[in-house]
PDB file of N, CA and C in Angstrom:
ATOM      1  N   MET A   1       0.446  -1.346   0.171  1.00  0.00           N
ATOM      2  CA  MET A   1       0.050  -0.100   0.137  1.00  0.00           C
ATOM      3  C   MET A   1       1.047   1.303   0.277  1.00  0.00           C
ATOM      4  N   LEU A   2       0.496   2.093  -0.823  1.00  0.00           N
ATOM      5  CA  LEU A   2       1.154   3.430  -0.824  1.00  0.00           C
ATOM      6  C   LEU A   2       0.108   4.236   0.327  1.00  0.00           C
ATOM      7  N   PHE A   3       1.005   5.120   1.160  1.00  0.00           N
ATOM      8  CA  PHE A   3       0.652   6.136   2.117  1.00  0.00           C
ATOM      9  C   PHE A   3       1.028   7.662   2.053  1.00  0.00           C
ATOM     10  N   LEU A   4       0.584   8.601   1.953  1.00  0.00           N
ATOM     11  CA  LEU A   4       1.094   9.650   2.270  1.00  0.00           C
ATOM     12  C   LEU A   4       1.199  10.149   3.972  1.00  0.00           C
ATOM     13  N   ALA A   5       2.139  10.230   4.457  1.00  0.00           N
ATOM     14  CA  ALA A   5       2.648  10.376   5.817  1.00  0.00           C
ATOM     15  C   ALA A   5       2.963  11.327   5.997  1.00  0.00           C
ATOM     16  N   ARG A   6       3.257  11.930   6.962  1.00  0.00           N
ATOM     17  CA  ARG A   6       4.643  12.747   7.749  1.00  0.00           C
ATOM     18  C   ARG A   6       5.303  12.538   8.621  1.00  0.00           C
ATOM     19  N   SER A   7       5.551  11.173   8.764  1.00  0.00           N
ATOM     20  CA  SER A   7       6.578  10.321   9.391  1.00  0.00           C
ATOM     21  C   SER A   7       6.520   8.797   9.291  1.00  0.00           C
ATOM     22  N   LEU A   8       7.673   8.554   9.337  1.00  0.00           N
ATOM     23  CA  LEU A   8       7.327   6.672   9.481  1.00  0.00           C
ATOM     24  C   LEU A   8       6.594   6.086  10.769  1.00  0.00           C
ATOM     25  N   ASP A   9       6.253   6.888  11.639  1.00  0.00           N
ATOM     26  CA  ASP A   9       5.829   6.072  12.848  1.00  0.00           C
ATOM     27  C   ASP A   9       4.312   6.030  12.020  1.00  0.00           C
ATOM     28  N   GLU A  10       3.713   7.429  11.911  1.00  0.00           N
ATOM     29  CA  GLU A  10       2.733   7.430  10.897  1.00  0.00           C
ATOM     30  C   GLU A  10       2.197   6.663   9.666  1.00  0.00           C
ATOM     31  N   ALA A  11       2.982   6.527   9.253  1.00  0.00           N
ATOM     32  CA  ALA A  11       2.547   5.440   7.722  1.00  0.00           C
ATOM     33  C   ALA A  11       2.651   4.146   8.573  1.00  0.00           C
ATOM     34  N   ILE A  12       3.548   3.683   9.264  1.00  0.00           N
ATOM     35  CA  ILE A  12       3.085   2.546  10.360  1.00  0.00           C
ATOM     36  C   ILE A  12       2.145   2.404  11.166  1.00  0.00           C
ATOM     37  N   GLU A  13       1.512   3.375  11.405  1.00  0.00           N
ATOM     38  CA  GLU A  13       0.049   3.067  12.152  1.00  0.00           C
ATOM     39  C   GLU A  13      -0.987   2.969  11.033  1.00  0.00           C
ATOM     40  N   MET A  14      -0.756   3.576   9.527  1.00  0.00           N
ATOM     41  CA  MET A  14      -1.797   3.681   8.799  1.00  0.00           C
ATOM     42  C   MET A  14      -1.985   2.562   7.888  1.00  0.00           C
ATOM     43  N   ALA A  15      -0.661   1.571   8.257  1.00  0.00           N
ATOM     44  CA  ALA A  15      -1.011   0.224   7.353  1.00  0.00           C
ATOM     45  C   ALA A  15      -1.473  -0.499   8.183  1.00  0.00           C
ATOM     46  N   GLU A  16      -1.150  -0.572   9.430  1.00  0.00           N
ATOM     47  CA  GLU A  16      -1.714  -1.207  10.478  1.00  0.00           C
ATOM     48  C   GLU A  16      -2.802  -1.317  10.676  1.00  0.00           C
ATOM     49  N   ARG A  17      -3.224  -0.103  10.536  1.00  0.00           N
ATOM     50  CA  ARG A  17      -5.248   0.043  10.628  1.00  0.00           C
ATOM     51  C   ARG A  17      -5.743  -0.478   9.324  1.00  0.00           C
ATOM     52  N   GLU A  18      -4.977  -0.107   8.134  1.00  0.00           N
ATOM     53  CA  GLU A  18      -5.482  -0.714   6.458  1.00  0.00           C
ATOM     54  C   GLU A  18      -5.227  -2.105   6.882  1.00  0.00           C
ATOM     55  N   SER A  19      -3.918  -3.077   7.000  1.00  0.00           N
ATOM     56  CA  SER A  19      -4.240  -4.541   7.220  1.00  0.00           C
ATOM     57  C   SER A  19      -5.119  -4.803   8.012  1.00  0.00           C
ATOM     58  N   ALA A  20      -5.545  -4.047   9.174  1.00  0.00           N
ATOM     59  CA  ALA A  20      -6.657  -5.024  10.334  1.00  0.00           C
ATOM     60  C   ALA A  20      -7.972  -4.432   9.501  1.00  0.00           C
ATOM     61  N   GLU A  21      -8.251  -3.777   8.652  1.00  0.00           N
ATOM     62  CA  GLU A  21      -9.588  -3.879   7.910  1.00  0.00           C
ATOM     63  C   GLU A  21      -9.647  -4.738   7.165  1.00  0.00           C
ATOM     64  N   TYR A  22      -8.825  -4.392   6.206  1.00  0.00           N
ATOM     65  CA  TYR A  22      -8.518  -5.545   4.824  1.00  0.00           C
ATOM     66  C   TYR A  22      -8.784  -7.292   5.374  1.00  0.00           C
ATOM     67  N   ALA A  23      -8.068  -7.430   6.406  1.00  0.00           N
ATOM     68  CA  ALA A  23      -8.169  -8.644   6.720  1.00  0.00           C
ATOM     69  C   ALA A  23      -9.324  -9.022   8.081  1.00  0.00           C
ATOM     70  N   GLY A  24     -10.091  -8.037   8.315  1.00  0.00           N
ATOM     71  CA  GLY A  24     -11.442  -7.951   8.684  1.00  0.00           C
ATOM     72  C   GLY A  24     -12.292  -8.234   7.743  1.00  0.00           C
ATOM     73  N   GLU A  25     -12.457  -7.785   6.805  1.00  0.00           N
ATOM     74  CA  GLU A  25     -13.137  -8.048   5.380  1.00  0.00           C
ATOM     75  C   GLU A  25     -13.079  -9.384   5.075  1.00  0.00           C
ATOM     76  N   GLY A  26     -12.019 -10.235   5.244  1.00  0.00           N
ATOM     77  CA  GLY A  26     -11.345 -11.102   4.287  1.00  0.00           C
ATOM     78  C   GLY A  26     -11.382 -12.606   5.305  1.00  0.00           C
ATOM     79  N   GLY A  27     -11.349 -12.277   6.657  1.00  0.00           N
ATOM     80  CA  GLY A  27     -11.702 -13.400   7.697  1.00  0.00           C
ATOM     81  C   GLY A  27     -10.142 -13.681   7.211  1.00  0.00           C
ATOM     82  N   LEU A  28      -9.063 -12.696   7.763  1.00  0.00           N
ATOM     83  CA  LEU A  28      -7.491 -13.395   7.370  1.00  0.00           C
ATOM     84  C   LEU A  28      -6.848 -12.834   8.670  1.00  0.00           C
ATOM     85  N   GLU A  29      -5.827 -12.812   8.980  1.00  0.00           N
ATOM     86  CA  GLU A  29      -5.190 -13.020  10.106  1.00  0.00           C
ATOM     87  C   GLU A  29      -4.045 -12.090   9.707  1.00  0.00           C
ATOM     88  N   VAL A  30      -3.740 -11.282  10.747  1.00  0.00           N
ATOM     89  CA  VAL A  30      -2.973 -10.141  10.532  1.00  0.00           C
ATOM     90  C   VAL A  30      -1.366 -10.651  11.065  1.00  0.00           C
ATOM     91  N   LEU A  31      -0.591 -10.467  10.600  1.00  0.00           N
ATOM     92  CA  LEU A  31       1.064 -10.851  11.158  1.00  0.00           C
ATOM     93  C   LEU A  31       1.633  -9.509  11.538  1.00  0.00           C
ATOM     94  N   ASP A  32       2.407 -10.146  13.015  1.00  0.00           N
ATOM     95  CA  ASP A  32       2.834  -8.765  13.600  1.00  0.00           C
ATOM     96  C   ASP A  32       4.375  -8.544  12.930  1.00  0.00           C
ATOM     97  N   MET A  33       4.054  -7.607  11.486  1.00  0.00           N
ATOM     98  CA  MET A  33       5.005  -7.431  10.811  1.00  0.00           C
ATOM     99  C   MET A  33       5.125  -6.320   9.721  1.00  0.00           C
ATOM    100  N   VAL A  34       4.988  -5.100   9.903  1.00  0.00           N
ATOM    101  CA  VAL A  34       4.999  -3.924   8.899  1.00  0.00           C
ATOM    102  C   VAL A  34       6.454  -3.541   8.612  1.00  0.00           C
ATOM    103  N   GLN A  35       6.608  -3.583   7.140  1.00  0.00           N
ATOM    104  CA  GLN A  35       7.578  -2.647   6.575  1.00  0.00           C
ATOM    105  C   GLN A  35       7.535  -1.166   5.841  1.00  0.00           C
ATOM    106  N   ALA A  36       8.060  -0.709   6.155  1.00  0.00           N
ATOM    107  CA  ALA A  36       7.793   1.140   5.471  1.00  0.00           C
ATOM    108  C   ALA A  36       9.109   1.905   5.000  1.00  0.00           C
ATOM    109  N   TYR A  37       8.892   1.852   3.815  1.00  0.00           N
ATOM    110  CA  TYR A  37       9.842   2.661   3.122  1.00  0.00           C
ATOM    111  C   TYR A  37       9.617   4.194   2.666  1.00  0.00           C
ATOM    112  N   ARG A  38      10.707   5.327   2.883  1.00  0.00           N
ATOM    113  CA  ARG A  38      10.276   6.258   2.381  1.00  0.00           C
ATOM    114  C   ARG A  38      10.755   6.467   0.626  1.00  0.00           C
ATOM    115  N   ILE A  39       9.594   6.788  -0.145  1.00  0.00           N
ATOM    116  CA  ILE A  39       9.768   6.914  -1.380  1.00  0.00           C
ATOM    117  C   ILE A  39      10.035   8.609  -2.180  1.00  0.00           C
ATOM    118  N   SER A  40       9.868   9.396  -1.279  1.00  0.00           N
ATOM    119  CA  SER A  40      10.401  10.428  -1.613  1.00  0.00           C
ATOM    120  C   SER A  40      10.395  11.392  -0.072  1.00  0.00           C
ATOM    121  N   GLY A  41      11.095  12.375  -0.740  1.00  0.00           N
ATOM    122  CA  GLY A  41      11.173  13.685   0.328  1.00  0.00           C
ATOM    123  C   GLY A  41      10.141  14.624   0.351  1.00  0.00           C
ATOM    124  N   GLY A  42       9.091  14.488  -0.199  1.00  0.00           N
ATOM    125  CA  GLY A  42       7.899  15.513  -0.025  1.00  0.00           C
ATOM    126  C   GLY A  42       7.950  16.282  -1.549  1.00  0.00           C
ATOM    127  N   ASP A  43       9.017  16.538  -2.351  1.00  0.00           N
ATOM    128  CA  ASP A  43       8.946  17.615  -3.373  1.00  0.00           C
ATOM    129  C   ASP A  43       9.031  16.682  -4.497  1.00  0.00           C
ATOM    130  N   GLU A  44       9.180  15.597  -4.521  1.00  0.00           N
ATOM    131  CA  GLU A  44       8.984  14.724  -5.691  1.00  0.00           C
ATOM    132  C   GLU A  44       7.797  14.223  -6.008  1.00  0.00           C
ATOM    133  N   ALA A  45       7.733  14.117  -7.519  1.00  0.00           N
ATOM    134  CA  ALA A  45       6.106  13.805  -7.480  1.00  0.00           C
ATOM    135  C   ALA A  45       6.509  12.270  -7.630  1.00  0.00           C
ATOM    136  N   VAL A  46       5.290  11.744  -7.095  1.00  0.00           N
ATOM    137  CA  VAL A  46       5.357   9.988  -7.056  1.00  0.00           C
ATOM    138  C   VAL A  46       3.952   9.699  -7.989  1.00  0.00           C
ATOM    139  N   GLY A  47       4.466   8.926  -9.297  1.00  0.00           N
ATOM    140  CA  GLY A  47       3.596   8.725 -10.275  1.00  0.00           C
ATOM    141  C   GLY A  47       4.453   7.686 -10.861  1.00  0.00           C
ATOM    142  N   VAL A  48       3.917   7.707 -11.833  1.00  0.00           N
ATOM    143  CA  VAL A  48       4.308   6.035 -13.380  1.00  0.00           C
ATOM    144  C   VAL A  48       5.616   5.892 -13.122  1.00  0.00           C
ATOM    145  N   GLY A  49       6.045   4.693 -13.066  1.00  0.00           N
ATOM    146  CA  GLY A  49       7.705   4.400 -13.175  1.00  0.00           C
ATOM    147  C   GLY A  49       8.316   4.663 -11.779  1.00  0.00           C
ATOM    148  N   THR A  50       7.499   5.146 -10.668  1.00  0.00           N
ATOM    149  CA  THR A  50       8.046   5.670  -9.380  1.00  0.00           C
ATOM    150  C   THR A  50       8.290   4.002  -8.611  1.00  0.00           C
ATOM    151  N   GLU A  51       9.298   3.827  -8.315  1.00  0.00           N
ATOM    152  CA  GLU A  51      10.033   2.581  -7.720  1.00  0.00           C
ATOM    153  C   GLU A  51       9.584   2.271  -6.186  1.00  0.00           C
ATOM    154  N   VAL A  52       8.144   1.633  -5.753  1.00  0.00           N
ATOM    155  CA  VAL A  52       7.780   1.567  -4.122  1.00  0.00           C
ATOM    156  C   VAL A  52       8.422   0.267  -3.558  1.00  0.00           C
ATOM    157  N   PHE A  53       9.309  -0.402  -4.266  1.00  0.00           N
ATOM    158  CA  PHE A  53      10.032  -1.715  -3.645  1.00  0.00           C
ATOM    159  C   PHE A  53      11.113  -2.262  -4.508  1.00  0.00           C
ATOM    160  N   SER A  54      11.979  -2.801  -3.798  1.00  0.00           N
ATOM    161  CA  SER A  54      13.099  -2.979  -3.975  1.00  0.00           C
ATOM    162  C   SER A  54      13.747  -3.867  -3.129  1.00  0.00           C
ATOM    163  N   LYS A  55      14.152  -5.226  -3.649  1.00  0.00           N
ATOM    164  CA  LYS A  55      15.159  -5.701  -2.674  1.00  0.00           C
ATOM    165  C   LYS A  55      15.982  -6.424  -3.453  1.00  0.00           C
ATOM    166  N   LEU A  56      17.235  -6.456  -2.934  1.00  0.00           N
ATOM    167  CA  LEU A  56      18.470  -7.386  -3.714  1.00  0.00           C
ATOM    168  C   LEU A  56      18.812  -8.345  -2.843  1.00  0.00           C
ATOM    169  N   HIS A  57      19.493  -9.462  -3.521  1.00  0.00           N
ATOM    170  CA  HIS A  57      20.141 -10.295  -2.942  1.00  0.00           C
ATOM    171  C   HIS A  57      21.888 -10.838  -3.344  1.00  0.00           C
ATOM    172  N   ALA A  58      22.429 -10.448  -2.542  1.00  0.00           N
ATOM    173  CA  ALA A  58      23.760 -10.728  -2.835  1.00  0.00           C
ATOM    174  C   ALA A  58      24.311 -12.381  -2.152  1.00  0.00           C
ATOM    175  N   LEU A  59      23.692 -13.421  -3.060  1.00  0.00           N
ATOM    176  CA  LEU A  59      24.084 -14.616  -3.025  1.00  0.00           C
ATOM    177  C   LEU A  59      24.592 -15.082  -3.860  1.00  0.00           C
ATOM    178  N   ASP A  60      25.651 -16.113  -3.526  1.00  0.00           N
ATOM    179  CA  ASP A  60      25.956 -17.111  -4.644  1.00  0.00           C
ATOM    180  C   ASP A  60      25.422 -18.239  -4.785  1.00  0.00           C
ATOM    181  N   LEU A  61      23.996 -18.138  -5.537  1.00  0.00           N
ATOM    182  CA  LEU A  61      23.151 -19.099  -5.857  1.00  0.00           C
ATOM    183  C   LEU A  61      23.012 -19.680  -7.310  1.00  0.00           C
ATOM    184  N   PRO A  62      22.849 -20.705  -7.961  1.00  0.00           N
ATOM    185  CA  PRO A  62      22.157 -20.445  -9.189  1.00  0.00           C
ATOM    186  C   PRO A  62      21.219 -19.671  -9.102  1.00  0.00           C
ATOM    187  N   GLU A  63      20.463 -19.836 -10.306  1.00  0.00           N
ATOM    188  CA  GLU A  63      19.136 -18.913 -10.595  1.00  0.00           C
ATOM    189  C   GLU A  63      17.997 -19.948  -9.903  1.00  0.00           C
ATOM    190  N   ASN A  64      18.075 -21.354 -10.288  1.00  0.00           N
ATOM    191  CA  ASN A  64      16.740 -22.272  -9.819  1.00  0.00           C
ATOM    192  C   ASN A  64      17.025 -22.353  -8.127  1.00  0.00           C
ATOM    193  N   ALA A  65      18.214 -21.910  -7.867  1.00  0.00           N
ATOM    194  CA  ALA A  65      18.094 -22.317  -6.141  1.00  0.00           C
ATOM    195  C   ALA A  65      17.856 -21.167  -5.599  1.00  0.00           C
ATOM    196  N   PHE A  66      18.224 -20.068  -6.055  1.00  0.00           N
ATOM    197  CA  PHE A  66      17.532 -18.634  -5.587  1.00  0.00           C
ATOM    198  C   PHE A  66      16.200 -18.716  -5.418  1.00  0.00           C
ATOM    199  N   LEU A  67      15.650 -19.066  -6.749  1.00  0.00           N
ATOM    200  CA  LEU A  67      14.186 -19.084  -6.398  1.00  0.00           C
ATOM    201  C   LEU A  67      13.617 -20.319  -5.642  1.00  0.00           C
ATOM    202  N   ASP A  68      13.977 -21.417  -5.516  1.00  0.00           N
ATOM    203  CA  ASP A  68      13.622 -21.970  -4.800  1.00  0.00           C
ATOM    204  C   ASP A  68      13.533 -21.713  -3.459  1.00  0.00           C
ATOM    205  N   ARG A  69      14.416 -21.291  -2.842  1.00  0.00           N
ATOM    206  CA  ARG A  69      14.773 -20.353  -1.458  1.00  0.00           C
ATOM    207  C   ARG A  69      14.018 -19.365  -1.180  1.00  0.00           C
ATOM    208  N   TYR A  70      13.506 -18.229  -2.466  1.00  0.00           N
ATOM    209  CA  TYR A  70      13.057 -17.204  -1.923  1.00  0.00           C
ATOM    210  C   TYR A  70      11.519 -16.972  -2.466  1.00  0.00           C
ATOM    211  N   ASP A  71      10.951 -18.004  -3.639  1.00  0.00           N
ATOM    212  CA  ASP A  71      10.210 -17.983  -4.029  1.00  0.00           C
ATOM    213  C   ASP A  71       9.056 -18.506  -3.422  1.00  0.00           C
ATOM    214  N   SER A  72       7.844 -17.571  -2.616  1.00  0.00           N
ATOM    215  CA  SER A  72       6.887 -18.289  -1.387  1.00  0.00           C
ATOM    216  C   SER A  72       5.735 -19.050  -2.264  1.00  0.00           C
ATOM    217  N   GLY A  73       5.862 -19.174  -3.422  1.00  0.00           N
ATOM    218  CA  GLY A  73       4.571 -20.259  -4.030  1.00  0.00           C
ATOM    219  C   GLY A  73       3.728 -18.814  -4.830  1.00  0.00           C
ATOM    220  N   PRO A  74       2.748 -19.479  -4.849  1.00  0.00           N
ATOM    221  CA  PRO A  74       2.254 -18.615  -6.022  1.00  0.00           C
ATOM    222  C   PRO A  74       1.423 -17.855  -5.356  1.00  0.00           C
ATOM    223  N   THR A  75       1.170 -16.416  -5.500  1.00  0.00           N
ATOM    224  CA  THR A  75       0.600 -15.197  -4.814  1.00  0.00           C
ATOM    225  C   THR A  75      -0.888 -14.868  -5.137  1.00  0.00           C
ATOM    226  N   HIS A  76      -1.328 -14.533  -4.697  1.00  0.00           N
ATOM    227  CA  HIS A  76      -2.976 -13.851  -4.876  1.00  0.00           C
ATOM    228  C   HIS A  76      -2.653 -12.855  -5.418  1.00  0.00           C
ATOM    229  N   THR A  77      -3.672 -13.129  -7.008  1.00  0.00           N
ATOM    230  CA  THR A  77      -3.645 -11.927  -7.656  1.00  0.00           C
ATOM    231  C   THR A  77      -5.121 -11.992  -8.368  1.00  0.00           C
ATOM    232  N   GLN A  78      -5.448 -10.690  -8.636  1.00  0.00           N
ATOM    233  CA  GLN A  78      -7.076 -10.732  -9.260  1.00  0.00           C
ATOM    234  C   GLN A  78      -6.568  -9.750 -10.595  1.00  0.00           C
ATOM    235  N   ILE A  79      -7.654 -10.375 -11.167  1.00  0.00           N
ATOM    236  CA  ILE A  79      -7.391  -9.664 -12.861  1.00  0.00           C
ATOM    237  C   ILE A  79      -8.934  -9.138 -12.637  1.00  0.00           C
ATOM    238  N   SER A  80      -8.775  -8.171 -13.282  1.00  0.00           N
ATOM    239  CA  SER A  80      -9.894  -6.869 -13.647  1.00  0.00           C
ATOM    240  C   SER A  80      -9.964  -6.972 -15.087  1.00  0.00           C
ATOM    241  N   GLU A  81     -11.502  -6.662 -16.081  1.00  0.00           N
ATOM    242  CA  GLU A  81     -11.404  -6.545 -16.937  1.00  0.00           C
ATOM    243  C   GLU A  81     -11.463  -5.069 -17.342  1.00  0.00           C
TER     244      GLU A  81
END
């Protein structure tokens, strides 16, 4: 989720509220983990092409071994027409 917040703490609070609401609607369980990332300093536009998440791994593993280790399986997707 992308939130516009004045601080990291506020962004985390917003994420916790949103996840509780989402989980409640779907009968899901919220785990005790929230991650927040600062995207811009406030004077930069956030729009098409803005990177919102990236995680790099520096491991000496073959491609398939890497995917076996870090791919958590099928993801939940929704296709809209």
